[in-house]
Amino acid sequence: MMRAYLDHNATTPLRPEAREAMIGSMSLIGNPSSVHSEGRAAKSALEKARQTVASAFGADGAEVVFTSSATEAASLALQGRDILGCDVEHDAVRAWVADVHSHAVDSTGAVTVIDPRSSTLQLANSETGVIQSLPQGLSVTDATQAFGKLPVAFNWLGADMAIVSAHKLGGPKGIGALVMKRGIDLEARLKGGGQEMGRRAGTENIIGAVGFAAAAEAAQRDIERGIWSDIEKLRDLLEETIESAANETIFVGKGANRLPNTSCFAVPGWKGETQVMQMDLAGYAISAGSACSSGKVKASAVLQAMGYDATTASSAIRVSLGPQTTEQEVMGFAKAWLAQWQKFRARAA
């Protein structure tokens, strides 16, 4: 059975450019902290990757601290702080928020921030795709889902720090970064060495950094070529096809500014995890929310923060497309989903 991968917000397939760059970097045998030739070669590759990621993210002049993931970057940025946020944030950020009710969320998913200097606000939501208008002077933004899909530049976002991840844009898993304005003082969570400008101890993941850089460059080229406009058309085709046949379907965030690849929708009473399993058996990989929360049978906190009841919030699924997604795959999914919807309606009658 042919399969279609429609879960790009969870993770993206490794880009060929990243794979080739990583394979090439495996011949570097030195530790980047060593002063001999082999060490300097490794250090050079690491710093080139750092600059490439910074440039792709529009963060020239900022500091890029490589981490093991966006989750670690969030903990580095938010640890020990009385930070304000809301329930639409990813769990990796929400875990550090002192009060998840301090920011108001409306029915479209838009968030109102009262005190930017003490606040974190995501740039784009992983479940709904809703894009936020960031206030100037914001302390931290989670740009994990936006980087690689939108024309984003850290230098004009207005935030002091931004969280990003490689595997969301076609890079390897196991590496992320915290991007921050120069002069910000952060206490290292991993101690015992002076790596990453004293912000993160431990021998650097050169192979991961090189792959991250290659993927970031390739993702930027995709944006410049307008690939995401084509993906948005496929997303809209999917929603139009489903809505025309199953008009009780609720499309979360529709009409709001969203990521071009993301569709979150629900038929109240039809459990999201049930749909995920049914579509998996039909050959389509989708999700019922954030990948870090998969397997947990509970209503989406994001949708509940937007005002949806628990039944609807537990019935939502997310389809997230990528550069490799075809119209045939999208229409095949719509056909398979509608076939299962008809069975659900028949059982509910």
C-alpha atoms as a PDB file:
ATOM      1  CA  MET A   1       0.000   0.000   0.000  1.00  0.00           C
ATOM      2  CA  MET A   2       1.287   3.431  -0.972  1.00  0.00           C
ATOM      3  CA  ARG A   3       1.505   5.831   1.953  1.00  0.00           C
ATOM      4  CA  ALA A   4       1.251   9.605   2.114  1.00  0.00           C
ATOM      5  CA  TYR A   5       2.968  11.575   4.859  1.00  0.00           C
ATOM      6  CA  LEU A   6       0.726  14.480   5.913  1.00  0.00           C
ATOM      7  CA  ASP A   7       2.228  15.282   9.322  1.00  0.00           C
ATOM      8  CA  HIS A   8       4.932  17.806   8.480  1.00  0.00           C
ATOM      9  CA  ASN A   9       4.276  19.932  11.574  1.00  0.00           C
ATOM     10  CA  ALA A  10       5.341  16.953  13.700  1.00  0.00           C
ATOM     11  CA  THR A  11       8.544  16.446  11.743  1.00  0.00           C
ATOM     12  CA  THR A  12       9.625  16.794   8.148  1.00  0.00           C
ATOM     13  CA  PRO A  13      11.494  14.331   5.937  1.00  0.00           C
ATOM     14  CA  LEU A  14      15.222  14.954   5.858  1.00  0.00           C
ATOM     15  CA  ARG A  15      16.145  17.167   2.909  1.00  0.00           C
ATOM     16  CA  PRO A  16      18.705  15.749   0.449  1.00  0.00           C
ATOM     17  CA  GLU A  17      20.851  18.844   0.972  1.00  0.00           C
ATOM     18  CA  ALA A  18      20.974  18.183   4.716  1.00  0.00           C
ATOM     19  CA  ARG A  19      21.752  14.511   4.232  1.00  0.00           C
ATOM     20  CA  GLU A  20      24.655  15.249   1.885  1.00  0.00           C
ATOM     21  CA  ALA A  21      26.070  17.951   4.142  1.00  0.00           C
ATOM     22  CA  MET A  22      25.908  15.677   7.168  1.00  0.00           C
ATOM     23  CA  ILE A  23      27.617  12.805   5.393  1.00  0.00           C
ATOM     24  CA  GLY A  24      30.365  15.173   4.291  1.00  0.00           C
ATOM     25  CA  SER A  25      30.897  16.438   7.853  1.00  0.00           C
ATOM     26  CA  MET A  26      31.393  12.936   9.230  1.00  0.00           C
ATOM     27  CA  SER A  27      35.006  13.024   8.060  1.00  0.00           C
ATOM     28  CA  LEU A  28      35.747  15.797  10.576  1.00  0.00           C
ATOM     29  CA  ILE A  29      37.475  13.956  13.391  1.00  0.00           C
ATOM     30  CA  GLY A  30      38.462  16.858  15.634  1.00  0.00           C
ATOM     31  CA  ASN A  31      36.795  18.259  18.726  1.00  0.00           C
ATOM     32  CA  PRO A  32      35.897  21.924  18.042  1.00  0.00           C
ATOM     33  CA  SER A  33      37.371  22.857  21.427  1.00  0.00           C
ATOM     34  CA  SER A  34      40.800  21.494  20.442  1.00  0.00           C
ATOM     35  CA  VAL A  35      43.451  23.899  19.166  1.00  0.00           C
ATOM     36  CA  HIS A  36      45.172  21.588  16.684  1.00  0.00           C
ATOM     37  CA  SER A  37      44.393  21.527  12.958  1.00  0.00           C
ATOM     38  CA  GLU A  38      41.726  18.866  13.257  1.00  0.00           C
ATOM     39  CA  GLY A  39      40.012  20.780  16.035  1.00  0.00           C
ATOM     40  CA  ARG A  40      40.168  24.046  14.117  1.00  0.00           C
ATOM     41  CA  ALA A  41      38.611  22.376  11.059  1.00  0.00           C
ATOM     42  CA  ALA A  42      35.726  21.129  13.191  1.00  0.00           C
ATOM     43  CA  LYS A  43      35.340  24.552  14.792  1.00  0.00           C
ATOM     44  CA  SER A  44      35.292  26.201  11.380  1.00  0.00           C
ATOM     45  CA  ALA A  45      32.499  23.908  10.184  1.00  0.00           C
ATOM     46  CA  LEU A  46      30.507  24.608  13.341  1.00  0.00           C
ATOM     47  CA  GLU A  47      30.839  28.376  13.063  1.00  0.00           C
ATOM     48  CA  LYS A  48      29.992  28.336   9.368  1.00  0.00           C
ATOM     49  CA  ALA A  49      26.824  26.386  10.185  1.00  0.00           C
ATOM     50  CA  ARG A  50      25.984  28.875  12.944  1.00  0.00           C
ATOM     51  CA  GLN A  51      26.315  31.809  10.559  1.00  0.00           C
ATOM     52  CA  THR A  52      24.270  30.048   7.880  1.00  0.00           C
ATOM     53  CA  VAL A  53      21.388  29.382  10.290  1.00  0.00           C
ATOM     54  CA  ALA A  54      21.554  32.989  11.491  1.00  0.00           C
ATOM     55  CA  SER A  55      21.475  34.311   7.942  1.00  0.00           C
ATOM     56  CA  ALA A  56      18.564  32.079   6.889  1.00  0.00           C
ATOM     57  CA  PHE A  57      16.609  33.268   9.941  1.00  0.00           C
ATOM     58  CA  GLY A  58      17.421  36.921   9.286  1.00  0.00           C
ATOM     59  CA  ALA A  59      19.427  37.069  12.501  1.00  0.00           C
ATOM     60  CA  ASP A  60      22.700  38.582  11.352  1.00  0.00           C
ATOM     61  CA  GLY A  61      24.404  40.159  14.334  1.00  0.00           C
ATOM     62  CA  ALA A  62      22.455  38.023  16.798  1.00  0.00           C
ATOM     63  CA  GLU A  63      23.759  35.073  18.788  1.00  0.00           C
ATOM     64  CA  VAL A  64      22.793  31.516  17.859  1.00  0.00           C
ATOM     65  CA  VAL A  65      23.181  28.922  20.607  1.00  0.00           C
ATOM     66  CA  PHE A  66      22.855  25.369  19.334  1.00  0.00           C
ATOM     67  CA  THR A  67      20.855  23.036  21.582  1.00  0.00           C
ATOM     68  CA  SER A  68      19.597  19.462  21.367  1.00  0.00           C
ATOM     69  CA  SER A  69      16.067  20.601  20.468  1.00  0.00           C
ATOM     70  CA  ALA A  70      13.557  23.438  20.536  1.00  0.00           C
ATOM     71  CA  THR A  71      12.444  22.060  23.906  1.00  0.00           C
ATOM     72  CA  GLU A  72      15.911  22.582  25.365  1.00  0.00           C
ATOM     73  CA  ALA A  73      16.092  26.030  23.764  1.00  0.00           C
ATOM     74  CA  ALA A  74      12.805  26.911  25.486  1.00  0.00           C
ATOM     75  CA  SER A  75      14.105  25.794  28.859  1.00  0.00           C
ATOM     76  CA  LEU A  76      17.314  27.778  28.367  1.00  0.00           C
ATOM     77  CA  ALA A  77      15.355  30.913  27.492  1.00  0.00           C
ATOM     78  CA  LEU A  78      12.638  30.617  30.144  1.00  0.00           C
ATOM     79  CA  GLN A  79      14.228  28.940  33.165  1.00  0.00           C
ATOM     80  CA  GLY A  80      14.065  30.807  36.437  1.00  0.00           C
ATOM     81  CA  ARG A  81      11.855  33.581  35.072  1.00  0.00           C
ATOM     82  CA  ASP A  82       8.392  34.792  36.020  1.00  0.00           C
ATOM     83  CA  ILE A  83       7.167  34.505  32.453  1.00  0.00           C
ATOM     84  CA  LEU A  84       3.609  35.142  31.234  1.00  0.00           C
ATOM     85  CA  GLY A  85       1.879  33.143  28.507  1.00  0.00           C
ATOM     86  CA  CYS A  86      -1.231  31.217  27.549  1.00  0.00           C
ATOM     87  CA  ASP A  87      -2.638  27.798  26.722  1.00  0.00           C
ATOM     88  CA  VAL A  88      -2.013  28.010  22.975  1.00  0.00           C
ATOM     89  CA  GLU A  89       1.729  27.683  23.555  1.00  0.00           C
ATOM     90  CA  HIS A  90       3.513  24.393  22.960  1.00  0.00           C
ATOM     91  CA  ASP A  91       3.968  22.228  26.059  1.00  0.00           C
ATOM     92  CA  ALA A  92       7.731  22.880  25.972  1.00  0.00           C
ATOM     93  CA  VAL A  93       7.009  26.578  26.545  1.00  0.00           C
ATOM     94  CA  ARG A  94       3.884  26.240  28.662  1.00  0.00           C
ATOM     95  CA  ALA A  95       5.837  24.184  31.206  1.00  0.00           C
ATOM     96  CA  TRP A  96       7.735  27.360  32.159  1.00  0.00           C
ATOM     97  CA  VAL A  97       4.778  29.782  32.115  1.00  0.00           C
ATOM     98  CA  ALA A  98       3.823  31.095  35.540  1.00  0.00           C
ATOM     99  CA  ASP A  99       0.208  31.883  34.548  1.00  0.00           C
ATOM    100  CA  VAL A 100      -1.308  30.337  31.403  1.00  0.00           C
ATOM    101  CA  HIS A 101      -4.322  32.632  31.721  1.00  0.00           C
ATOM    102  CA  SER A 102      -2.402  35.916  31.623  1.00  0.00           C
ATOM    103  CA  HIS A 103      -2.857  36.347  27.852  1.00  0.00           C
ATOM    104  CA  ALA A 104      -6.361  36.520  26.397  1.00  0.00           C
ATOM    105  CA  VAL A 105      -7.107  34.217  23.424  1.00  0.00           C
ATOM    106  CA  ASP A 106     -10.039  34.909  21.100  1.00  0.00           C
ATOM    107  CA  SER A 107     -12.061  32.484  18.982  1.00  0.00           C
ATOM    108  CA  THR A 108      -9.707  32.868  16.011  1.00  0.00           C
ATOM    109  CA  GLY A 109      -6.673  31.947  18.123  1.00  0.00           C
ATOM    110  CA  ALA A 110      -5.332  35.506  18.257  1.00  0.00           C
ATOM    111  CA  VAL A 111      -3.539  36.349  21.517  1.00  0.00           C
ATOM    112  CA  THR A 112      -3.467  39.706  23.289  1.00  0.00           C
ATOM    113  CA  VAL A 113      -0.267  40.417  25.231  1.00  0.00           C
ATOM    114  CA  ILE A 114      -0.388  43.101  27.912  1.00  0.00           C
ATOM    115  CA  ASP A 115       3.239  43.037  29.115  1.00  0.00           C
ATOM    116  CA  PRO A 116       5.568  41.974  26.257  1.00  0.00           C
ATOM    117  CA  ARG A 117       8.776  42.338  28.292  1.00  0.00           C
ATOM    118  CA  SER A 118       7.639  39.606  30.667  1.00  0.00           C
ATOM    119  CA  SER A 119       5.925  37.443  28.079  1.00  0.00           C
ATOM    120  CA  THR A 120       6.370  34.641  25.602  1.00  0.00           C
ATOM    121  CA  LEU A 121       4.217  34.281  22.484  1.00  0.00           C
ATOM    122  CA  GLN A 122       4.536  31.757  19.689  1.00  0.00           C
ATOM    123  CA  LEU A 123       4.807  33.005  16.127  1.00  0.00           C
ATOM    124  CA  ALA A 124       2.674  30.191  14.666  1.00  0.00           C
ATOM    125  CA  ASN A 125       0.653  27.471  16.368  1.00  0.00           C
ATOM    126  CA  SER A 126       1.606  23.876  15.645  1.00  0.00           C
ATOM    127  CA  GLU A 127      -1.966  22.539  15.901  1.00  0.00           C
ATOM    128  CA  THR A 128      -4.037  25.217  14.168  1.00  0.00           C
ATOM    129  CA  GLY A 129      -1.402  27.027  12.101  1.00  0.00           C
ATOM    130  CA  VAL A 130      -2.686  30.403  13.387  1.00  0.00           C
ATOM    131  CA  ILE A 131      -0.027  33.106  13.039  1.00  0.00           C
ATOM    132  CA  GLN A 132       0.321  35.766  15.732  1.00  0.00           C
ATOM    133  CA  SER A 133       1.151  39.449  15.396  1.00  0.00           C
ATOM    134  CA  LEU A 134       4.049  39.787  17.794  1.00  0.00           C
ATOM    135  CA  PRO A 135       4.238  42.930  19.930  1.00  0.00           C
ATOM    136  CA  GLN A 136       7.490  44.862  19.912  1.00  0.00           C
ATOM    137  CA  GLY A 137       9.683  44.235  22.923  1.00  0.00           C
ATOM    138  CA  LEU A 138       8.501  40.650  23.399  1.00  0.00           C
ATOM    139  CA  SER A 139      10.797  38.603  25.602  1.00  0.00           C
ATOM    140  CA  VAL A 140      10.613  35.218  23.826  1.00  0.00           C
ATOM    141  CA  THR A 141       8.897  33.816  20.751  1.00  0.00           C
ATOM    142  CA  ASP A 142       8.615  30.204  19.701  1.00  0.00           C
ATOM    143  CA  ALA A 143       9.315  30.391  15.954  1.00  0.00           C
ATOM    144  CA  THR A 144       9.651  26.623  15.526  1.00  0.00           C
ATOM    145  CA  GLN A 145       6.706  26.163  13.162  1.00  0.00           C
ATOM    146  CA  ALA A 146       7.169  29.434  11.269  1.00  0.00           C
ATOM    147  CA  PHE A 147      10.875  29.157  10.418  1.00  0.00           C
ATOM    148  CA  GLY A 148      11.153  27.512   7.020  1.00  0.00           C
ATOM    149  CA  LYS A 149       7.509  28.088   6.051  1.00  0.00           C
ATOM    150  CA  LEU A 150       7.215  31.871   6.266  1.00  0.00           C
ATOM    151  CA  PRO A 151       9.490  34.751   5.242  1.00  0.00           C
ATOM    152  CA  VAL A 152      10.692  35.435   8.788  1.00  0.00           C
ATOM    153  CA  ALA A 153      13.543  37.645   9.958  1.00  0.00           C
ATOM    154  CA  PHE A 154      14.518  37.633  13.619  1.00  0.00           C
ATOM    155  CA  ASN A 155      15.875  41.156  13.323  1.00  0.00           C
ATOM    156  CA  TRP A 156      12.399  42.573  12.606  1.00  0.00           C
ATOM    157  CA  LEU A 157      10.311  40.285  14.811  1.00  0.00           C
ATOM    158  CA  GLY A 158      10.873  42.560  17.778  1.00  0.00           C
ATOM    159  CA  ALA A 159      11.606  39.736  20.241  1.00  0.00           C
ATOM    160  CA  ASP A 160      14.684  39.402  22.417  1.00  0.00           C
ATOM    161  CA  MET A 161      14.888  35.639  21.876  1.00  0.00           C
ATOM    162  CA  ALA A 162      13.500  33.073  19.450  1.00  0.00           C
ATOM    163  CA  ILE A 163      13.282  29.279  19.589  1.00  0.00           C
ATOM    164  CA  VAL A 164      13.870  27.230  16.410  1.00  0.00           C
ATOM    165  CA  SER A 165      14.329  23.581  15.447  1.00  0.00           C
ATOM    166  CA  ALA A 166      16.028  21.777  12.565  1.00  0.00           C
ATOM    167  CA  HIS A 167      13.655  18.866  12.026  1.00  0.00           C
ATOM    168  CA  LYS A 168      10.671  21.141  11.371  1.00  0.00           C
ATOM    169  CA  LEU A 169      12.235  22.393   8.130  1.00  0.00           C
ATOM    170  CA  GLY A 170      13.922  19.300   6.744  1.00  0.00           C
ATOM    171  CA  GLY A 171      16.969  19.131   8.978  1.00  0.00           C
ATOM    172  CA  PRO A 172      17.975  16.339  11.355  1.00  0.00           C
ATOM    173  CA  LYS A 173      16.263  15.550  14.631  1.00  0.00           C
ATOM    174  CA  GLY A 174      18.287  16.222  17.764  1.00  0.00           C
ATOM    175  CA  ILE A 175      19.324  19.821  17.152  1.00  0.00           C
ATOM    176  CA  GLY A 176      17.652  23.167  17.702  1.00  0.00           C
ATOM    177  CA  ALA A 177      18.765  26.658  18.593  1.00  0.00           C
ATOM    178  CA  LEU A 178      18.052  29.653  20.750  1.00  0.00           C
ATOM    179  CA  VAL A 179      18.544  32.873  18.794  1.00  0.00           C
ATOM    180  CA  MET A 180      18.964  35.997  20.859  1.00  0.00           C
ATOM    181  CA  LYS A 181      19.991  39.598  20.742  1.00  0.00           C
ATOM    182  CA  ARG A 182      23.538  40.232  21.829  1.00  0.00           C
ATOM    183  CA  GLY A 183      24.131  41.121  25.442  1.00  0.00           C
ATOM    184  CA  ILE A 184      21.414  38.931  26.964  1.00  0.00           C
ATOM    185  CA  ASP A 185      22.649  37.171  30.081  1.00  0.00           C
ATOM    186  CA  LEU A 186      21.415  33.597  30.496  1.00  0.00           C
ATOM    187  CA  GLU A 187      22.495  30.962  32.980  1.00  0.00           C
ATOM    188  CA  ALA A 188      23.530  27.690  31.375  1.00  0.00           C
ATOM    189  CA  ARG A 189      21.358  24.688  32.198  1.00  0.00           C
ATOM    190  CA  LEU A 190      24.093  22.267  31.137  1.00  0.00           C
ATOM    191  CA  LYS A 191      27.279  23.150  32.999  1.00  0.00           C
ATOM    192  CA  GLY A 192      30.801  21.827  32.984  1.00  0.00           C
ATOM    193  CA  GLY A 193      32.326  23.457  29.919  1.00  0.00           C
ATOM    194  CA  GLY A 194      32.492  26.756  28.104  1.00  0.00           C
ATOM    195  CA  GLN A 195      30.920  25.678  24.819  1.00  0.00           C
ATOM    196  CA  GLU A 196      28.284  27.743  23.014  1.00  0.00           C
ATOM    197  CA  MET A 197      29.585  31.011  24.448  1.00  0.00           C
ATOM    198  CA  GLY A 198      29.196  29.599  27.955  1.00  0.00           C
ATOM    199  CA  ARG A 199      25.456  29.010  27.449  1.00  0.00           C
ATOM    200  CA  ARG A 200      25.532  25.215  26.964  1.00  0.00           C
ATOM    201  CA  ALA A 201      28.264  22.844  28.079  1.00  0.00           C
ATOM    202  CA  GLY A 202      29.068  19.720  26.089  1.00  0.00           C
ATOM    203  CA  THR A 203      30.853  18.856  22.872  1.00  0.00           C
ATOM    204  CA  GLU A 204      28.915  20.384  20.021  1.00  0.00           C
ATOM    205  CA  ASN A 205      26.845  18.329  17.575  1.00  0.00           C
ATOM    206  CA  ILE A 206      28.737  19.313  14.438  1.00  0.00           C
ATOM    207  CA  ILE A 207      26.953  16.842  12.153  1.00  0.00           C
ATOM    208  CA  GLY A 208      23.567  18.095  13.345  1.00  0.00           C
ATOM    209  CA  ALA A 209      24.578  21.750  13.024  1.00  0.00           C
ATOM    210  CA  VAL A 210      25.813  21.251   9.470  1.00  0.00           C
ATOM    211  CA  GLY A 211      22.575  19.477   8.562  1.00  0.00           C
ATOM    212  CA  PHE A 212      20.529  22.237  10.191  1.00  0.00           C
ATOM    213  CA  ALA A 213      22.376  24.861   8.171  1.00  0.00           C
ATOM    214  CA  ALA A 214      21.913  23.051   4.856  1.00  0.00           C
ATOM    215  CA  ALA A 215      18.216  22.528   5.528  1.00  0.00           C
ATOM    216  CA  ALA A 216      17.719  26.165   6.536  1.00  0.00           C
ATOM    217  CA  GLU A 217      19.327  27.354   3.309  1.00  0.00           C
ATOM    218  CA  ALA A 218      17.189  25.000   1.229  1.00  0.00           C
ATOM    219  CA  ALA A 219      14.029  26.045   3.078  1.00  0.00           C
ATOM    220  CA  GLN A 220      14.811  29.688   2.405  1.00  0.00           C
ATOM    221  CA  ARG A 221      15.170  28.940  -1.304  1.00  0.00           C
ATOM    222  CA  ASP A 222      11.763  27.239  -1.258  1.00  0.00           C
ATOM    223  CA  ILE A 223      10.208  30.365   0.252  1.00  0.00           C
ATOM    224  CA  GLU A 224      11.828  32.581  -2.359  1.00  0.00           C
ATOM    225  CA  ARG A 225      10.535  30.304  -5.154  1.00  0.00           C
ATOM    226  CA  GLY A 226       6.977  30.557  -3.861  1.00  0.00           C
ATOM    227  CA  ILE A 227       6.581  26.850  -3.095  1.00  0.00           C
ATOM    228  CA  TRP A 228       4.443  27.540  -0.043  1.00  0.00           C
ATOM    229  CA  SER A 229       1.869  29.374  -2.155  1.00  0.00           C
ATOM    230  CA  ASP A 230       1.356  26.139  -4.071  1.00  0.00           C
ATOM    231  CA  ILE A 231       1.084  24.230  -0.802  1.00  0.00           C
ATOM    232  CA  GLU A 232      -1.528  26.691   0.446  1.00  0.00           C
ATOM    233  CA  LYS A 233      -3.630  25.987  -2.646  1.00  0.00           C
ATOM    234  CA  LEU A 234      -3.495  22.264  -1.845  1.00  0.00           C
ATOM    235  CA  ARG A 235      -4.527  22.997   1.758  1.00  0.00           C
ATOM    236  CA  ASP A 236      -7.483  25.053   0.529  1.00  0.00           C
ATOM    237  CA  LEU A 237      -8.455  22.337  -1.957  1.00  0.00           C
ATOM    238  CA  LEU A 238      -8.502  19.800   0.871  1.00  0.00           C
ATOM    239  CA  GLU A 239     -10.741  21.974   3.030  1.00  0.00           C
ATOM    240  CA  GLU A 240     -13.103  22.829   0.179  1.00  0.00           C
ATOM    241  CA  THR A 241     -13.450  19.170  -0.771  1.00  0.00           C
ATOM    242  CA  ILE A 242     -14.249  18.086   2.780  1.00  0.00           C
ATOM    243  CA  GLU A 243     -16.533  21.013   3.514  1.00  0.00           C
ATOM    244  CA  SER A 244     -18.594  20.468   0.365  1.00  0.00           C
ATOM    245  CA  ALA A 245     -19.403  16.892   1.420  1.00  0.00           C
ATOM    246  CA  ALA A 246     -19.380  17.169   5.224  1.00  0.00           C
ATOM    247  CA  ASN A 247     -20.612  20.657   5.920  1.00  0.00           C
ATOM    248  CA  GLU A 248     -20.811  20.197   9.711  1.00  0.00           C
ATOM    249  CA  THR A 249     -17.008  20.002   9.801  1.00  0.00           C
ATOM    250  CA  ILE A 250     -15.447  22.768  11.879  1.00  0.00           C
ATOM    251  CA  PHE A 251     -12.243  24.214  10.415  1.00  0.00           C
ATOM    252  CA  VAL A 252     -10.281  25.756  13.261  1.00  0.00           C
ATOM    253  CA  GLY A 253      -8.733  29.127  12.483  1.00  0.00           C
ATOM    254  CA  LYS A 254     -10.254  29.339   9.020  1.00  0.00           C
ATOM    255  CA  GLY A 255     -10.334  32.986   7.999  1.00  0.00           C
ATOM    256  CA  ALA A 256      -7.415  33.811  10.290  1.00  0.00           C
ATOM    257  CA  ASN A 257      -3.848  34.236   9.125  1.00  0.00           C
ATOM    258  CA  ARG A 258      -2.509  30.661   9.126  1.00  0.00           C
ATOM    259  CA  LEU A 259       0.522  28.688   8.077  1.00  0.00           C
ATOM    260  CA  PRO A 260       0.010  27.768   4.419  1.00  0.00           C
ATOM    261  CA  ASN A 261       0.308  24.030   5.056  1.00  0.00           C
ATOM    262  CA  THR A 262      -1.862  23.504   8.126  1.00  0.00           C
ATOM    263  CA  SER A 263      -5.492  22.404   8.393  1.00  0.00           C
ATOM    264  CA  CYS A 264      -7.068  21.608  11.758  1.00  0.00           C
ATOM    265  CA  PHE A 265     -10.665  20.394  11.649  1.00  0.00           C
ATOM    266  CA  ALA A 266     -13.185  18.535  13.763  1.00  0.00           C
ATOM    267  CA  VAL A 267     -16.481  16.704  13.582  1.00  0.00           C
ATOM    268  CA  PRO A 268     -17.744  16.880  17.181  1.00  0.00           C
ATOM    269  CA  GLY A 269     -18.058  13.432  18.711  1.00  0.00           C
ATOM    270  CA  TRP A 270     -15.692  11.682  16.300  1.00  0.00           C
ATOM    271  CA  LYS A 271     -12.581  11.231  18.417  1.00  0.00           C
ATOM    272  CA  GLY A 272      -9.375  12.599  16.953  1.00  0.00           C
ATOM    273  CA  GLU A 273      -7.299   9.576  17.923  1.00  0.00           C
ATOM    274  CA  THR A 274      -9.857   7.316  16.222  1.00  0.00           C
ATOM    275  CA  GLN A 275      -9.501   9.287  13.013  1.00  0.00           C
ATOM    276  CA  VAL A 276      -5.703   9.117  13.222  1.00  0.00           C
ATOM    277  CA  MET A 277      -5.820   5.315  13.467  1.00  0.00           C
ATOM    278  CA  GLN A 278      -8.376   5.013  10.672  1.00  0.00           C
ATOM    279  CA  MET A 279      -6.328   7.200   8.354  1.00  0.00           C
ATOM    280  CA  ASP A 280      -3.145   5.341   9.262  1.00  0.00           C
ATOM    281  CA  LEU A 281      -4.764   2.086   8.185  1.00  0.00           C
ATOM    282  CA  ALA A 282      -5.824   3.804   4.963  1.00  0.00           C
ATOM    283  CA  GLY A 283      -2.220   4.855   4.298  1.00  0.00           C
ATOM    284  CA  TYR A 284      -2.181   8.465   5.533  1.00  0.00           C
ATOM    285  CA  ALA A 285      -0.058   9.828   8.384  1.00  0.00           C
ATOM    286  CA  ILE A 286      -1.776  12.679  10.226  1.00  0.00           C
ATOM    287  CA  SER A 287      -2.028  13.704  13.883  1.00  0.00           C
ATOM    288  CA  ALA A 288      -4.489  14.737  16.554  1.00  0.00           C
ATOM    289  CA  GLY A 289      -2.455  17.664  17.848  1.00  0.00           C
ATOM    290  CA  SER A 290       1.105  18.426  18.820  1.00  0.00           C
ATOM    291  CA  ALA A 291       3.454  15.466  18.293  1.00  0.00           C
ATOM    292  CA  CYS A 292       4.859  15.906  21.800  1.00  0.00           C
ATOM    293  CA  SER A 293       1.396  15.215  23.177  1.00  0.00           C
ATOM    294  CA  SER A 294       0.490  12.303  20.909  1.00  0.00           C
ATOM    295  CA  GLY A 295      -0.739   9.232  22.712  1.00  0.00           C
ATOM    296  CA  LYS A 296      -2.382  11.312  25.425  1.00  0.00           C
ATOM    297  CA  VAL A 297      -6.157  10.908  25.247  1.00  0.00           C
ATOM    298  CA  LYS A 298      -7.265  14.391  26.199  1.00  0.00           C
ATOM    299  CA  ALA A 299      -8.918  17.405  24.664  1.00  0.00           C
ATOM    300  CA  SER A 300      -6.663  19.964  22.976  1.00  0.00           C
ATOM    301  CA  ALA A 301      -5.783  22.769  25.391  1.00  0.00           C
ATOM    302  CA  VAL A 302      -5.230  25.008  22.375  1.00  0.00           C
ATOM    303  CA  LEU A 303      -8.773  24.558  21.071  1.00  0.00           C
ATOM    304  CA  GLN A 304     -10.262  24.901  24.537  1.00  0.00           C
ATOM    305  CA  ALA A 305      -8.385  28.185  24.987  1.00  0.00           C
ATOM    306  CA  MET A 306     -10.068  29.331  21.761  1.00  0.00           C
ATOM    307  CA  GLY A 307     -13.472  28.597  23.266  1.00  0.00           C
ATOM    308  CA  TYR A 308     -14.268  25.162  21.841  1.00  0.00           C
ATOM    309  CA  ASP A 309     -15.951  22.680  24.159  1.00  0.00           C
ATOM    310  CA  ALA A 310     -14.182  19.513  25.302  1.00  0.00           C
ATOM    311  CA  THR A 311     -16.057  17.308  22.831  1.00  0.00           C
ATOM    312  CA  THR A 312     -14.976  19.376  19.846  1.00  0.00           C
ATOM    313  CA  ALA A 313     -11.461  19.855  21.220  1.00  0.00           C
ATOM    314  CA  SER A 314     -11.030  16.087  21.524  1.00  0.00           C
ATOM    315  CA  SER A 315     -12.395  15.503  18.005  1.00  0.00           C
ATOM    316  CA  ALA A 316      -9.865  17.625  16.119  1.00  0.00           C
ATOM    317  CA  ILE A 317      -7.210  16.329  13.747  1.00  0.00           C
ATOM    318  CA  ARG A 318      -4.374  18.133  12.019  1.00  0.00           C
ATOM    319  CA  VAL A 319      -3.263  17.647   8.434  1.00  0.00           C
ATOM    320  CA  SER A 320       0.028  19.390   7.666  1.00  0.00           C
ATOM    321  CA  LEU A 321       1.452  19.370   4.157  1.00  0.00           C
ATOM    322  CA  GLY A 322       5.008  19.760   2.889  1.00  0.00           C
ATOM    323  CA  PRO A 323       6.947  20.588  -0.275  1.00  0.00           C
ATOM    324  CA  GLN A 324       6.709  16.967  -1.436  1.00  0.00           C
ATOM    325  CA  THR A 325       2.922  16.712  -0.992  1.00  0.00           C
ATOM    326  CA  THR A 326       0.979  16.147  -4.220  1.00  0.00           C
ATOM    327  CA  GLU A 327      -2.596  16.880  -5.233  1.00  0.00           C
ATOM    328  CA  GLN A 328      -3.119  13.142  -5.670  1.00  0.00           C
ATOM    329  CA  GLU A 329      -2.182  12.568  -2.030  1.00  0.00           C
ATOM    330  CA  VAL A 330      -4.441  15.372  -0.810  1.00  0.00           C
ATOM    331  CA  MET A 331      -7.438  14.176  -2.797  1.00  0.00           C
ATOM    332  CA  GLY A 332      -6.741  10.569  -1.819  1.00  0.00           C
ATOM    333  CA  PHE A 333      -6.790  11.577   1.826  1.00  0.00           C
ATOM    334  CA  ALA A 334     -10.016  13.538   1.387  1.00  0.00           C
ATOM    335  CA  LYS A 335     -11.663  10.503  -0.225  1.00  0.00           C
ATOM    336  CA  ALA A 336     -10.475   8.167   2.546  1.00  0.00           C
ATOM    337  CA  TRP A 337     -11.513  10.568   5.308  1.00  0.00           C
ATOM    338  CA  LEU A 338     -14.970  11.132   3.807  1.00  0.00           C
ATOM    339  CA  ALA A 339     -15.495   7.387   3.547  1.00  0.00           C
ATOM    340  CA  GLN A 340     -14.832   7.048   7.280  1.00  0.00           C
ATOM    341  CA  TRP A 341     -16.970  10.119   8.012  1.00  0.00           C
ATOM    342  CA  GLN A 342     -19.918   8.480   6.260  1.00  0.00           C
ATOM    343  CA  LYS A 343     -19.496   5.425   8.495  1.00  0.00           C
ATOM    344  CA  PHE A 344     -19.319   7.677  11.570  1.00  0.00           C
ATOM    345  CA  ARG A 345     -22.520   9.449  10.543  1.00  0.00           C
ATOM    346  CA  ALA A 346     -24.251   6.125   9.935  1.00  0.00           C
ATOM    347  CA  ARG A 347     -23.296   4.876  13.423  1.00  0.00           C
ATOM    348  CA  ALA A 348     -24.403   8.121  15.013  1.00  0.00           C
ATOM    349  CA  ALA A 349     -27.802   8.122  13.262  1.00  0.00           C
END
